[in-house]
Protein backbone atom coordinates (compact mmCIF):
# COMPACT_ATOMS: atom_id res chain seq x y z
CA UNK A 1 37.33 66.65 -69.34
CA UNK A 2 35.42 65.85 -72.48
CA UNK A 3 32.39 64.76 -70.09
CA UNK A 4 32.90 68.24 -67.87
CA UNK A 5 32.30 70.03 -71.21
CA UNK A 6 29.62 67.69 -72.42
CA UNK A 7 27.44 68.15 -69.02
CA UNK A 8 27.66 71.73 -69.22
CA UNK A 9 26.71 71.68 -73.36
CA UNK A 10 23.47 69.28 -71.77
CA UNK A 11 22.38 71.54 -69.04
CA UNK A 12 22.70 74.63 -70.50
CA UNK A 13 20.43 73.32 -73.65
CA UNK A 14 18.22 71.99 -70.72
CA UNK A 15 18.19 75.39 -69.56
CA UNK A 16 17.85 77.25 -72.89
CA UNK A 17 14.71 74.89 -73.71
CA UNK A 18 13.17 75.54 -70.33
CA UNK A 19 13.02 79.43 -71.14
CA UNK A 20 12.21 79.00 -74.06
CA UNK A 21 8.90 77.06 -73.19
CA UNK A 22 8.26 79.19 -70.47
CA UNK A 23 8.93 76.97 -67.81
CA UNK A 24 11.50 78.47 -66.42
CA UNK A 25 11.99 82.46 -66.14
CA UNK A 26 14.63 84.38 -66.41
CA UNK A 27 15.38 85.15 -62.77
CA UNK A 28 15.45 81.36 -62.24
CA UNK A 29 17.47 80.73 -64.76
CA UNK A 30 19.88 83.00 -63.40
CA UNK A 31 19.57 81.57 -60.14
CA UNK A 32 20.01 77.93 -61.76
CA UNK A 33 23.25 79.51 -63.32
CA UNK A 34 24.77 81.27 -60.65
CA UNK A 35 23.78 78.16 -58.06
CA UNK A 36 25.92 75.69 -60.71
CA UNK A 37 28.79 78.51 -61.20
CA UNK A 38 29.68 78.43 -57.30
CA UNK A 39 28.87 74.56 -56.65
CA UNK A 40 31.42 74.30 -59.06
CA UNK A 41 33.86 76.02 -56.50
CA UNK A 42 32.88 73.86 -53.85
CA UNK A 43 34.50 70.48 -52.26
CA UNK A 44 31.31 69.47 -53.88
CA UNK A 45 32.47 69.75 -57.38
CA UNK A 46 34.79 66.34 -57.59
CA UNK A 47 32.64 63.74 -55.85
CA UNK A 48 29.76 65.07 -58.77
CA UNK A 49 32.31 65.19 -61.14
CA UNK A 50 33.56 61.44 -60.26
CA UNK A 51 29.35 60.27 -60.13
CA UNK A 52 29.00 61.45 -63.79
CA UNK A 53 31.78 60.04 -64.63
CA UNK A 54 30.99 56.77 -63.40
CA UNK A 55 27.25 56.92 -64.65
CA UNK A 56 29.10 57.78 -68.50
CA UNK A 57 31.04 54.67 -68.32
CA UNK A 58 28.13 52.41 -67.37
CA UNK A 59 26.00 53.57 -69.91
CA UNK A 60 27.95 51.82 -72.88
CA UNK A 61 28.03 48.68 -70.50
CA UNK A 62 24.75 48.49 -70.50
């Protein structure tokens, strides 16, 4: 669960930076957020979570 919260915080920060840097408009940011929200409720959420867990587990081993 801690990895999920960290990923959400990381992606939220990136989205905020893109908005502030005017690389992404408010409509695009809303679309990206909505896509992430709806993606989390699909069957793709579990494999994505496993991939992120594997990547974060591999980082200390580098």
